[in-house]
Amino acid sequence: MEQNMKYRTLGKTGLRVSEIGFGGEWLERHEESESVALMKYAHGRGINIVDCWMPDPKSRDIIGRAIAEDRAGWYVQGHIGSTYQNGQYTRTRDAEQCRIAFEDLLTRLRTDYIDLGMIHYVDMENDWDVVSRPGPYLDYVMELKKQGKIKHIGLSTHNPLIAIKAAESGLVEIILFSVNPAFDLMPPTDNIENYFADTYADGLNGVDPVRIRMYKICEQQNVGITCMKPFAGGRLFDAKRSPFGVALTPIQCIHYALTKPGVASVLCGYDTTEHVDAAVAYETAPDSEKDYATILAGAPQHTFPGGECTYCGHCKPCPVDIDIAMVNKLYDLAVMQPEVPASLRQHYLSMDHHADECIACRGCESRCPFGVKVADRMSKAAELFRE
């Protein structure tokens, strides 16, 4: 089977993960053999990262069987604090319960390590205080890292304030975060149910500024993001349930996530091989099929304030071949800091074409759905990186 998958470096881990990943929580819906075959099919399409937050034995056994023939070809994202007690999922910080669940994870996955050990589901400030400070829970996580049973430490959250704390803490190398245009409307909250409300409060007509800052800080700190809930539970596929009053496609949702700073992989849920194909189709889709910007900009409740670059690439093509989205991203990251970091400057200088080549034709501005003054930003970027 032809394989067109692209790979990205997952932050400071250095791991090269597939842009399209595998969110494993639907595996238990099917017969074990069917789900094993589904995972192997996805691997054949180039998918090499799977998230296993699920504590139930069936899901873990399925993943273990599916990756057994090529363990080194999979990056496993497992969770510390997701446990199975009395036949049901229980989130806990009890070190002994975490140990029992983690040893079960390794046994059922038929491995002696996982690549990404995630501090599981931290949405509340007081919970962050527990997991980030010395104590039985964090001591156990650090012990696993020292023993080589987890290669990299990460954290999962739906709260951008917690993601910012984690990215700036130096404790984690990756964050599993819910990324989609509907959730991005919402201000920080520690209640995930708020994101799935039938209607959002009036006045939510732009990406929350805390979320914009969170994405940029993750990129700045080189903390990679893997994405959960890219389709908002499927509501974005239904114009009646979407907060924008219009429907998006899987390809548009995936592109939305992959254009956010720091994002390396979008973990989609799959029931069938057709679902896998629909997600992987992103890699060969034309720009017209990826374009979410035009739809959202014209929707009743659009997702970006005017003038804010989303790095969507809708401004292409440039007559002098400047990668406008990348220049804008590097510029936004640079102005967050007192001085331009050497790494950012080097990234900018290594580009084939630079902002000072802009001829101010403003053709890109006519294509930008969000009213970004591209020529002005190119002038500012050229001056900033010239210093």
Protein backbone atom coordinates (compact mmCIF):
# COMPACT_ATOMS: atom_id res chain seq x y z
CA MET A 1 0.00 0.00 0.00
CA GLU A 2 1.29 3.45 -0.92
CA GLN A 3 2.42 5.35 2.16
CA ASN A 4 2.32 9.15 2.14
CA MET A 5 2.56 9.86 5.85
CA LYS A 6 4.58 12.86 7.01
CA TYR A 7 6.40 12.92 10.33
CA ARG A 8 7.17 15.70 12.83
CA THR A 9 9.61 15.98 15.70
CA LEU A 10 7.74 15.73 19.00
CA GLY A 11 9.24 18.66 20.88
CA LYS A 12 12.42 18.06 22.83
CA THR A 13 11.86 14.28 22.86
CA GLY A 14 13.39 14.14 19.38
CA LEU A 15 10.93 11.39 18.40
CA ARG A 16 9.64 11.52 14.83
CA VAL A 17 5.92 10.87 15.10
CA SER A 18 3.30 10.56 12.36
CA GLU A 19 1.18 13.67 11.82
CA ILE A 20 -1.86 11.40 12.03
CA GLY A 21 -1.87 9.29 15.17
CA PHE A 22 -4.08 6.63 16.75
CA GLY A 23 -6.37 7.45 19.67
CA GLY A 24 -7.12 4.04 21.12
CA GLU A 25 -10.28 4.51 23.16
CA TRP A 26 -12.62 3.00 20.54
CA LEU A 27 -10.73 -0.30 20.35
CA GLU A 28 -12.83 -2.04 23.00
CA ARG A 29 -16.01 -1.54 20.94
CA HIS A 30 -15.07 -4.40 18.62
CA GLU A 31 -13.95 -7.99 18.69
CA GLU A 32 -10.32 -8.19 19.75
CA SER A 33 -9.13 -9.63 16.44
CA GLU A 34 -10.89 -6.86 14.50
CA SER A 35 -9.27 -4.11 16.55
CA VAL A 36 -5.84 -5.72 16.30
CA ALA A 37 -6.25 -5.84 12.52
CA LEU A 38 -7.37 -2.20 12.52
CA MET A 39 -4.24 -1.07 14.36
CA LYS A 40 -2.02 -3.06 12.03
CA TYR A 41 -3.80 -1.52 9.06
CA ALA A 42 -3.19 1.97 10.48
CA HIS A 43 0.50 1.12 10.98
CA GLY A 44 0.66 0.07 7.35
CA ARG A 45 -0.64 3.52 6.40
CA GLY A 46 2.28 5.10 8.29
CA ILE A 47 0.74 5.75 11.73
CA ASN A 48 3.35 5.18 14.44
CA ILE A 49 1.97 6.72 17.65
CA VAL A 50 -0.86 5.38 19.80
CA ASP A 51 -2.38 6.79 22.97
CA CYS A 52 -3.46 4.32 25.64
CA TRP A 53 -5.17 6.20 28.45
CA MET A 54 -7.61 3.33 28.85
CA PRO A 55 -7.10 1.11 31.91
CA ASP A 56 -9.41 -1.73 30.87
CA PRO A 57 -7.74 -5.07 30.12
CA LYS A 58 -9.34 -5.52 26.68
CA SER A 59 -8.01 -2.26 25.20
CA ARG A 60 -4.54 -2.89 26.57
CA ASP A 61 -4.47 -6.48 25.32
CA ILE A 62 -5.47 -5.31 21.84
CA ILE A 63 -2.68 -2.75 21.67
CA GLY A 64 -0.20 -5.28 22.98
CA ARG A 65 -1.08 -7.79 20.27
CA ALA A 66 -1.09 -5.12 17.56
CA ILE A 67 2.37 -3.73 18.31
CA ALA A 68 4.09 -7.00 19.24
CA GLU A 69 5.48 -7.65 15.75
CA ASP A 70 7.02 -4.17 15.50
CA ARG A 71 7.39 -2.73 19.00
CA ALA A 72 10.21 -0.42 17.94
CA GLY A 73 8.02 0.93 15.14
CA TRP A 74 5.41 2.26 17.56
CA TYR A 75 5.56 5.13 20.02
CA VAL A 76 3.25 4.33 22.92
CA GLN A 77 1.75 7.15 24.98
CA GLY A 78 0.62 5.62 28.27
CA HIS A 79 -0.89 7.25 31.35
CA ILE A 80 0.14 7.16 34.99
CA GLY A 81 -2.91 7.65 37.17
CA SER A 82 -5.48 5.95 34.94
CA THR A 83 -6.42 2.82 36.88
CA TYR A 84 -8.96 0.00 36.77
CA GLN A 85 -10.55 -0.56 40.17
CA ASN A 86 -13.63 -2.69 40.84
CA GLY A 87 -14.18 -3.10 37.12
CA GLN A 88 -14.21 0.57 36.23
CA TYR A 89 -11.93 3.46 35.29
CA THR A 90 -10.66 5.45 38.27
CA ARG A 91 -8.33 8.42 38.08
CA THR A 92 -6.02 8.51 41.08
CA ARG A 93 -2.79 9.92 42.51
CA ASP A 94 -2.38 7.01 44.91
CA ALA A 95 1.13 5.74 44.15
CA GLU A 96 0.36 2.09 44.91
CA GLN A 97 -2.72 2.04 42.66
CA CYS A 98 -0.68 3.76 39.95
CA ARG A 99 2.02 1.10 40.30
CA ILE A 100 -0.48 -1.75 39.94
CA ALA A 101 -2.02 -0.14 36.86
CA PHE A 102 1.33 0.67 35.24
CA GLU A 103 2.72 -2.84 35.74
CA ASP A 104 -0.49 -4.18 34.22
CA LEU A 105 0.02 -1.81 31.27
CA LEU A 106 3.52 -3.13 30.57
CA THR A 107 2.38 -6.74 30.92
CA ARG A 108 -0.59 -6.39 28.58
CA LEU A 109 1.36 -4.31 26.08
CA ARG A 110 4.05 -7.04 26.09
CA THR A 111 6.83 -4.54 26.60
CA ASP A 112 9.24 -3.41 29.30
CA TYR A 113 8.86 0.31 28.60
CA ILE A 114 6.60 2.94 27.12
CA ASP A 115 7.92 5.87 25.15
CA LEU A 116 5.73 8.62 26.61
CA GLY A 117 4.69 8.42 30.25
CA MET A 118 1.83 10.84 30.77
CA ILE A 119 0.85 12.40 34.08
CA HIS A 120 -2.81 11.61 33.60
CA TYR A 121 -5.61 14.16 33.24
CA VAL A 122 -4.67 17.28 35.20
CA ASP A 123 -7.32 19.99 34.79
CA MET A 124 -7.44 21.55 38.27
CA GLU A 125 -4.92 23.85 39.92
CA ASN A 126 -4.80 21.87 43.15
CA ASP A 127 -4.21 18.67 41.20
CA TRP A 128 -1.29 20.32 39.40
CA ASP A 129 0.16 21.16 42.80
CA VAL A 130 -0.04 17.48 43.77
CA VAL A 131 1.53 16.03 40.62
CA SER A 132 4.26 18.64 40.16
CA ARG A 133 5.72 18.66 43.68
CA PRO A 134 7.80 16.03 45.51
CA GLY A 135 5.55 13.39 46.99
CA PRO A 136 4.53 9.74 46.47
CA TYR A 137 2.97 10.31 43.03
CA LEU A 138 5.75 12.38 41.45
CA ASP A 139 8.39 10.23 43.14
CA TYR A 140 6.90 7.20 41.40
CA VAL A 141 6.86 8.94 38.01
CA MET A 142 10.51 9.94 38.42
CA GLU A 143 11.40 6.40 39.51
CA LEU A 144 9.87 5.02 36.32
CA LYS A 145 11.88 7.52 34.29
CA LYS A 146 15.12 6.60 36.11
CA GLN A 147 14.47 2.90 35.52
CA GLY A 148 13.88 3.47 31.82
CA LYS A 149 10.31 2.20 32.01
CA ILE A 150 9.18 5.53 30.59
CA LYS A 151 11.47 7.34 28.17
CA HIS A 152 9.86 10.78 28.32
CA ILE A 153 7.51 12.46 30.81
CA GLY A 154 4.37 14.20 29.58
CA LEU A 155 1.04 15.44 30.89
CA SER A 156 -2.54 15.37 29.64
CA THR A 157 -4.94 18.26 30.22
CA HIS A 158 -7.88 20.12 28.73
CA ASN A 159 -7.12 23.32 30.65
CA PRO A 160 -4.77 25.77 28.87
CA LEU A 161 -3.72 27.33 32.19
CA ILE A 162 -2.44 23.93 33.35
CA ALA A 163 -0.75 23.38 29.98
CA ILE A 164 1.10 26.69 30.37
CA LYS A 165 2.24 25.77 33.89
CA ALA A 166 3.43 22.38 32.67
CA ALA A 167 5.25 23.77 29.63
CA GLU A 168 7.07 26.33 31.74
CA SER A 169 7.86 23.96 34.61
CA GLY A 170 10.61 22.00 32.90
CA LEU A 171 9.00 18.80 34.22
CA VAL A 172 7.39 17.59 31.00
CA GLU A 173 8.54 17.22 27.42
CA ILE A 174 5.11 16.76 25.85
CA ILE A 175 1.49 17.70 26.48
CA LEU A 176 -1.62 15.85 25.34
CA PHE A 177 -4.17 18.61 24.79
CA SER A 178 -7.66 18.87 23.27
CA VAL A 179 -7.30 20.86 20.05
CA ASN A 180 -10.18 21.82 17.77
CA PRO A 181 -11.80 25.10 16.67
CA ALA A 182 -14.84 24.64 18.95
CA PHE A 183 -12.91 24.08 22.17
CA ASP A 184 -10.54 26.91 21.29
CA LEU A 185 -13.42 29.36 21.70
CA MET A 186 -13.68 28.55 25.38
CA PRO A 187 -11.90 30.36 28.21
CA PRO A 188 -9.96 28.17 30.66
CA THR A 189 -12.11 25.80 32.70
CA ASP A 190 -11.46 22.73 34.82
CA ASN A 191 -14.75 21.13 33.74
CA ILE A 192 -14.43 19.28 30.44
CA GLU A 193 -18.23 18.96 30.19
CA ASN A 194 -18.43 22.71 29.50
CA TYR A 195 -16.77 22.14 26.14
CA PHE A 196 -19.55 19.84 25.00
CA ALA A 197 -22.42 22.19 25.85
CA ASP A 198 -25.14 22.41 23.19
CA THR A 199 -24.61 26.17 22.93
CA TYR A 200 -21.81 28.48 23.99
CA ALA A 201 -22.29 31.74 25.83
CA ASP A 202 -22.81 34.90 23.82
CA GLY A 203 -19.70 36.85 22.98
CA LEU A 204 -17.43 33.89 22.23
CA ASN A 205 -16.37 35.05 18.78
CA GLY A 206 -12.65 34.45 18.86
CA VAL A 207 -10.03 32.01 20.06
CA ASP A 208 -9.49 32.58 23.76
CA PRO A 209 -6.25 34.57 24.25
CA VAL A 210 -5.03 32.14 26.92
CA ARG A 211 -5.13 29.36 24.33
CA ILE A 212 -3.26 31.45 21.78
CA ARG A 213 -0.61 32.08 24.42
CA MET A 214 -0.51 28.41 25.40
CA TYR A 215 0.27 27.22 21.87
CA LYS A 216 3.04 29.79 21.51
CA ILE A 217 4.59 28.94 24.89
CA CYS A 218 4.67 25.24 24.02
CA GLU A 219 6.49 26.07 20.79
CA GLN A 220 8.80 28.47 22.62
CA GLN A 221 9.66 25.88 25.28
CA ASN A 222 9.94 23.10 22.67
CA VAL A 223 7.24 21.11 24.44
CA GLY A 224 5.52 18.99 21.81
CA ILE A 225 1.73 18.70 21.66
CA THR A 226 -0.21 15.59 20.76
CA CYS A 227 -3.88 16.32 20.10
CA MET A 228 -6.93 14.61 21.50
CA LYS A 229 -10.56 15.31 20.58
CA PRO A 230 -9.73 16.86 17.18
CA PHE A 231 -13.33 16.48 16.01
CA ALA A 232 -14.96 17.64 19.29
CA GLY A 233 -16.67 14.28 19.64
CA GLY A 234 -17.97 14.48 16.07
CA ARG A 235 -20.05 17.62 16.66
CA LEU A 236 -17.97 19.58 14.14
CA PHE A 237 -19.21 17.30 11.37
CA ASP A 238 -22.82 18.39 11.99
CA ALA A 239 -23.86 21.96 11.16
CA LYS A 240 -26.69 21.76 13.70
CA ARG A 241 -24.35 20.79 16.56
CA SER A 242 -21.36 22.86 15.55
CA PRO A 243 -21.02 26.19 17.41
CA PHE A 244 -20.24 27.80 14.05
CA GLY A 245 -23.43 26.78 12.29
CA VAL A 246 -21.42 25.04 9.57
CA ALA A 247 -19.96 21.55 9.22
CA LEU A 248 -16.27 20.77 8.85
CA THR A 249 -14.60 17.69 7.42
CA PRO A 250 -12.04 15.44 9.11
CA ILE A 251 -9.35 16.88 6.83
CA GLN A 252 -10.21 20.46 7.82
CA CYS A 253 -10.20 19.59 11.54
CA ILE A 254 -6.85 17.83 11.23
CA HIS A 255 -5.39 20.78 9.36
CA TYR A 256 -6.68 23.15 12.03
CA ALA A 257 -4.79 21.23 14.70
CA LEU A 258 -1.61 20.80 12.68
CA THR A 259 -1.36 24.54 12.01
CA LYS A 260 -1.18 25.31 15.73
CA PRO A 261 2.31 26.02 17.14
CA GLY A 262 3.84 23.08 18.97
CA VAL A 263 1.52 20.44 17.52
CA ALA A 264 3.18 17.26 16.25
CA SER A 265 0.45 14.63 15.94
CA VAL A 266 -3.35 14.48 15.82
CA LEU A 267 -4.71 11.38 17.57
CA CYS A 268 -7.94 10.38 15.86
CA GLY A 269 -10.35 7.65 16.91
CA TYR A 270 -11.14 4.92 14.38
CA ASP A 271 -13.89 2.32 14.11
CA THR A 272 -13.04 1.07 10.62
CA THR A 273 -10.29 1.06 8.01
CA GLU A 274 -12.38 3.61 6.12
CA HIS A 275 -12.01 5.97 9.10
CA VAL A 276 -8.25 5.48 8.96
CA ASP A 277 -8.22 6.20 5.24
CA ALA A 278 -10.32 9.34 5.74
CA ALA A 279 -7.78 10.71 8.23
CA VAL A 280 -4.66 9.69 6.31
CA ALA A 281 -6.19 11.27 3.19
CA TYR A 282 -5.08 14.53 4.75
CA GLU A 283 -1.54 13.86 3.57
CA THR A 284 -2.48 13.96 -0.12
CA ALA A 285 -5.41 16.40 0.06
CA PRO A 286 -5.14 19.63 -1.95
CA ASP A 287 -5.07 22.94 -0.11
CA SER A 288 -8.69 23.56 -1.12
CA GLU A 289 -9.81 20.53 0.93
CA LYS A 290 -7.69 21.55 3.94
CA ASP A 291 -9.04 25.10 4.00
CA TYR A 292 -10.94 25.61 7.25
CA ALA A 293 -10.18 29.32 7.37
CA THR A 294 -12.64 30.47 4.72
CA ILE A 295 -15.48 28.50 6.29
CA LEU A 296 -14.87 29.67 9.84
CA ALA A 297 -14.26 33.29 8.89
CA GLY A 298 -17.68 33.42 7.28
CA ALA A 299 -19.47 31.40 9.94
CA PRO A 300 -22.01 32.99 12.29
CA GLN A 301 -19.54 32.68 15.17
CA HIS A 302 -16.04 32.68 13.75
CA THR A 303 -12.95 31.50 15.59
CA PHE A 304 -10.35 34.21 15.22
CA PRO A 305 -10.29 37.92 15.96
CA GLY A 306 -9.43 40.07 12.99
CA GLY A 307 -5.73 40.55 12.36
CA GLU A 308 -4.60 37.43 14.25
CA CYS A 309 -2.56 35.10 12.05
CA THR A 310 -3.67 31.47 12.37
CA TYR A 311 -0.77 30.08 10.27
CA CYS A 312 -3.38 28.34 8.10
CA GLY A 313 -1.47 28.97 4.86
CA HIS A 314 -4.50 30.39 3.09
CA CYS A 315 -2.32 33.32 2.02
CA LYS A 316 -0.42 31.15 -0.46
CA PRO A 317 0.96 31.39 -3.07
CA CYS A 318 3.52 34.17 -2.65
CA PRO A 319 5.04 35.48 -5.90
CA VAL A 320 8.53 35.43 -4.33
CA ASP A 321 7.89 32.11 -2.51
CA ILE A 322 8.04 33.41 1.08
CA ASP A 323 6.60 30.90 3.54
CA ILE A 324 4.37 33.57 5.05
CA ALA A 325 2.81 31.36 7.72
CA MET A 326 6.22 30.25 9.02
CA VAL A 327 7.61 33.79 9.05
CA ASN A 328 4.55 34.93 11.00
CA LYS A 329 4.94 32.06 13.47
CA LEU A 330 8.62 32.79 14.07
CA TYR A 331 7.89 36.50 14.42
CA ASP A 332 5.13 35.88 16.99
CA LEU A 333 7.42 33.62 19.00
CA ALA A 334 10.29 36.10 18.84
CA VAL A 335 8.32 39.10 20.09
CA MET A 336 7.27 37.14 23.18
CA GLN A 337 10.83 37.46 24.48
CA PRO A 338 13.17 40.37 25.33
CA GLU A 339 15.68 39.23 22.71
CA VAL A 340 15.35 36.99 19.68
CA PRO A 341 16.64 33.55 20.72
CA ALA A 342 19.53 32.26 18.64
CA SER A 343 17.57 29.13 17.72
CA LEU A 344 14.67 31.16 16.32
CA ARG A 345 17.02 33.44 14.41
CA GLN A 346 18.78 30.42 12.93
CA HIS A 347 15.47 28.85 11.94
CA TYR A 348 14.50 32.07 10.21
CA LEU A 349 17.85 32.45 8.44
CA SER A 350 17.71 28.85 7.23
CA MET A 351 14.51 29.54 5.28
CA ASP A 352 14.84 29.73 1.51
CA HIS A 353 13.17 33.15 1.38
CA HIS A 354 12.95 35.89 3.99
CA ALA A 355 10.55 38.65 4.97
CA ASP A 356 12.69 41.40 3.45
CA GLU A 357 11.99 39.89 0.01
CA CYS A 358 8.33 40.87 0.30
CA ILE A 359 7.32 43.11 -2.61
CA ALA A 360 4.17 44.34 -0.79
CA CYS A 361 1.89 43.21 -3.59
CA ARG A 362 -0.70 42.40 -0.89
CA GLY A 363 -2.18 39.58 -2.93
CA CYS A 364 -1.86 37.44 0.20
CA GLU A 365 -3.96 39.94 2.13
CA SER A 366 -6.81 39.60 -0.35
CA ARG A 367 -6.82 35.85 0.35
CA CYS A 368 -6.52 36.05 4.15
CA PRO A 369 -9.92 35.35 5.74
CA PHE A 370 -8.92 37.04 9.00
CA GLY A 371 -7.74 40.43 7.76
CA VAL A 372 -4.06 40.01 8.64
CA LYS A 373 -1.92 42.93 7.38
CA VAL A 374 0.68 40.59 5.92
CA ALA A 375 2.89 43.16 4.23
CA ASP A 376 3.18 45.16 7.45
CA ARG A 377 4.07 42.02 9.38
CA MET A 378 6.71 41.08 6.82
CA SER A 379 8.26 44.52 7.26
CA LYS A 380 8.29 44.14 11.05
CA ALA A 381 9.71 40.62 10.83
CA ALA A 382 12.46 41.74 8.49
CA GLU A 383 13.43 44.51 10.90
CA LEU A 384 13.30 42.24 13.95
CA PHE A 385 15.45 39.48 12.50
CA ARG A 386 17.86 42.01 10.92
CA GLU A 387 18.92 43.35 14.33
